[in-house]
Amino acid sequence: MEQNERDLIYQKLSILQDYYRELQSLEYITFEEYTGNNINKRAVERLIQLIVEVATDINNILLKILGQKTAPDYFASFIEKIIRCTMVLALV
């Protein structure tokens, strides 16, 4: 892994932690408040979307390092590609 790839992964992990902390700050919201208030709902949903996007970016960087094609969508990034690569690496 090259230094710039490592730095990019660390940067994205830091962003991921920030989004997670923001999401944690909304854990006090009850289900009723979540479903009854569009601002709360949009805030939670947007943070989850940002978390998935950053995690997918990290997955694609790791896939590139492993010489794999990047995933075409979120599902493939988490399920098809990373799990298969992890299983292959575990066998080596």
C-alpha atoms as a PDB file:
ATOM      1  CA  MET A   1       0.000   0.000   0.000  1.00  0.00           C
ATOM      2  CA  GLU A   2       1.408   3.380  -0.986  1.00  0.00           C
ATOM      3  CA  GLN A   3       1.626   6.227   1.505  1.00  0.00           C
ATOM      4  CA  ASN A   4      -0.929   8.369  -0.355  1.00  0.00           C
ATOM      5  CA  GLU A   5      -3.438   5.478  -0.282  1.00  0.00           C
ATOM      6  CA  ARG A   6      -2.804   4.971   3.425  1.00  0.00           C
ATOM      7  CA  ASP A   7      -3.248   8.702   4.076  1.00  0.00           C
ATOM      8  CA  LEU A   8      -6.488   8.756   2.091  1.00  0.00           C
ATOM      9  CA  ILE A   9      -7.846   5.778   4.047  1.00  0.00           C
ATOM     10  CA  TYR A  10      -6.932   7.464   7.356  1.00  0.00           C
ATOM     11  CA  GLN A  11      -8.576  10.685   6.189  1.00  0.00           C
ATOM     12  CA  LYS A  12     -11.764   8.856   5.215  1.00  0.00           C
ATOM     13  CA  LEU A  13     -11.778   6.923   8.508  1.00  0.00           C
ATOM     14  CA  SER A  14     -11.566  10.235  10.367  1.00  0.00           C
ATOM     15  CA  ILE A  15     -14.516  11.578   8.365  1.00  0.00           C
ATOM     16  CA  LEU A  16     -16.398   8.347   9.078  1.00  0.00           C
ATOM     17  CA  GLN A  17     -15.815   8.802  12.818  1.00  0.00           C
ATOM     18  CA  ASP A  18     -17.087  12.380  12.631  1.00  0.00           C
ATOM     19  CA  TYR A  19     -20.297  11.308  10.889  1.00  0.00           C
ATOM     20  CA  TYR A  20     -20.781   8.513  13.411  1.00  0.00           C
ATOM     21  CA  ARG A  21     -20.378  10.953  16.317  1.00  0.00           C
ATOM     22  CA  GLU A  22     -22.946  13.247  14.711  1.00  0.00           C
ATOM     23  CA  LEU A  23     -25.321  10.313  14.362  1.00  0.00           C
ATOM     24  CA  GLN A  24     -24.739   9.348  17.992  1.00  0.00           C
ATOM     25  CA  SER A  25     -25.712  12.875  19.025  1.00  0.00           C
ATOM     26  CA  LEU A  26     -29.185  12.129  17.636  1.00  0.00           C
ATOM     27  CA  GLU A  27     -29.700   8.891  19.545  1.00  0.00           C
ATOM     28  CA  TYR A  28     -32.000  10.639  22.024  1.00  0.00           C
ATOM     29  CA  ILE A  29     -34.663  10.958  19.312  1.00  0.00           C
ATOM     30  CA  THR A  30     -37.563   8.602  19.933  1.00  0.00           C
ATOM     31  CA  PHE A  31     -39.162   6.653  17.116  1.00  0.00           C
ATOM     32  CA  GLU A  32     -42.177   8.949  17.295  1.00  0.00           C
ATOM     33  CA  GLU A  33     -39.952  12.022  17.027  1.00  0.00           C
ATOM     34  CA  TYR A  34     -38.095  10.423  14.134  1.00  0.00           C
ATOM     35  CA  THR A  35     -41.205   9.562  12.134  1.00  0.00           C
ATOM     36  CA  GLY A  36     -43.100  12.718  13.094  1.00  0.00           C
ATOM     37  CA  ASN A  37     -40.422  15.288  12.363  1.00  0.00           C
ATOM     38  CA  ASN A  38     -39.026  15.532   8.837  1.00  0.00           C
ATOM     39  CA  ILE A  39     -35.966  17.481   9.975  1.00  0.00           C
ATOM     40  CA  ASN A  40     -34.945  14.732  12.431  1.00  0.00           C
ATOM     41  CA  LYS A  41     -35.696  12.058   9.861  1.00  0.00           C
ATOM     42  CA  ARG A  42     -33.712  13.756   7.110  1.00  0.00           C
ATOM     43  CA  ALA A  43     -30.769  14.404   9.432  1.00  0.00           C
ATOM     44  CA  VAL A  44     -30.548  10.749  10.472  1.00  0.00           C
ATOM     45  CA  GLU A  45     -31.042   9.444   6.941  1.00  0.00           C
ATOM     46  CA  ARG A  46     -28.471  11.847   5.485  1.00  0.00           C
ATOM     47  CA  LEU A  47     -25.853  10.882   8.055  1.00  0.00           C
ATOM     48  CA  ILE A  48     -26.426   7.198   7.307  1.00  0.00           C
ATOM     49  CA  GLN A  49     -26.084   7.944   3.593  1.00  0.00           C
ATOM     50  CA  LEU A  50     -22.810   9.815   4.182  1.00  0.00           C
ATOM     51  CA  ILE A  51     -21.467   6.962   6.329  1.00  0.00           C
ATOM     52  CA  VAL A  52     -22.251   4.419   3.600  1.00  0.00           C
ATOM     53  CA  GLU A  53     -20.655   6.625   0.931  1.00  0.00           C
ATOM     54  CA  VAL A  54     -17.416   7.084   2.877  1.00  0.00           C
ATOM     55  CA  ALA A  55     -17.260   3.381   3.774  1.00  0.00           C
ATOM     56  CA  THR A  56     -17.778   2.528   0.094  1.00  0.00           C
ATOM     57  CA  ASP A  57     -14.940   4.879  -0.851  1.00  0.00           C
ATOM     58  CA  ILE A  58     -12.679   3.053   1.615  1.00  0.00           C
ATOM     59  CA  ASN A  59     -13.769  -0.310   0.210  1.00  0.00           C
ATOM     60  CA  ASN A  60     -12.974   0.831  -3.321  1.00  0.00           C
ATOM     61  CA  ILE A  61      -9.516   2.030  -2.287  1.00  0.00           C
ATOM     62  CA  LEU A  62      -8.871  -1.376  -0.695  1.00  0.00           C
ATOM     63  CA  LEU A  63     -10.148  -3.150  -3.802  1.00  0.00           C
ATOM     64  CA  LYS A  64      -7.798  -1.083  -5.956  1.00  0.00           C
ATOM     65  CA  ILE A  65      -4.880  -2.001  -3.681  1.00  0.00           C
ATOM     66  CA  LEU A  66      -5.838  -5.667  -4.042  1.00  0.00           C
ATOM     67  CA  GLY A  67      -5.902  -5.323  -7.832  1.00  0.00           C
ATOM     68  CA  GLN A  68      -9.670  -5.714  -8.066  1.00  0.00           C
ATOM     69  CA  LYS A  69     -12.172  -3.656 -10.023  1.00  0.00           C
ATOM     70  CA  THR A  70     -14.102  -1.147  -7.974  1.00  0.00           C
ATOM     71  CA  ALA A  71     -17.622  -2.118  -7.047  1.00  0.00           C
ATOM     72  CA  PRO A  72     -20.486  -0.836  -9.229  1.00  0.00           C
ATOM     73  CA  ASP A  73     -22.763  -0.113  -6.250  1.00  0.00           C
ATOM     74  CA  TYR A  74     -22.927  -0.075  -2.453  1.00  0.00           C
ATOM     75  CA  PHE A  75     -24.149  -3.663  -2.141  1.00  0.00           C
ATOM     76  CA  ALA A  76     -21.370  -5.018  -4.298  1.00  0.00           C
ATOM     77  CA  SER A  77     -18.838  -2.958  -2.388  1.00  0.00           C
ATOM     78  CA  PHE A  78     -19.760  -4.499   0.942  1.00  0.00           C
ATOM     79  CA  ILE A  79     -20.987  -7.957   0.059  1.00  0.00           C
ATOM     80  CA  GLU A  80     -19.646  -9.218  -3.219  1.00  0.00           C
ATOM     81  CA  LYS A  81     -16.202  -7.647  -3.362  1.00  0.00           C
ATOM     82  CA  ILE A  82     -14.902  -7.071   0.151  1.00  0.00           C
ATOM     83  CA  ILE A  83     -16.187 -10.321   1.654  1.00  0.00           C
ATOM     84  CA  ARG A  84     -14.774 -12.353  -1.229  1.00  0.00           C
ATOM     85  CA  CYS A  85     -11.423 -10.585  -0.992  1.00  0.00           C
ATOM     86  CA  THR A  86     -11.369 -11.080   2.771  1.00  0.00           C
ATOM     87  CA  MET A  87     -12.114 -14.789   2.350  1.00  0.00           C
ATOM     88  CA  VAL A  88      -9.363 -15.148  -0.251  1.00  0.00           C
ATOM     89  CA  LEU A  89      -6.851 -13.325   1.949  1.00  0.00           C
ATOM     90  CA  ALA A  90      -7.807 -15.515   4.909  1.00  0.00           C
ATOM     91  CA  LEU A  91      -6.945 -18.600   2.867  1.00  0.00           C
ATOM     92  CA  VAL A  92      -3.508 -17.276   1.908  1.00  0.00           C
END
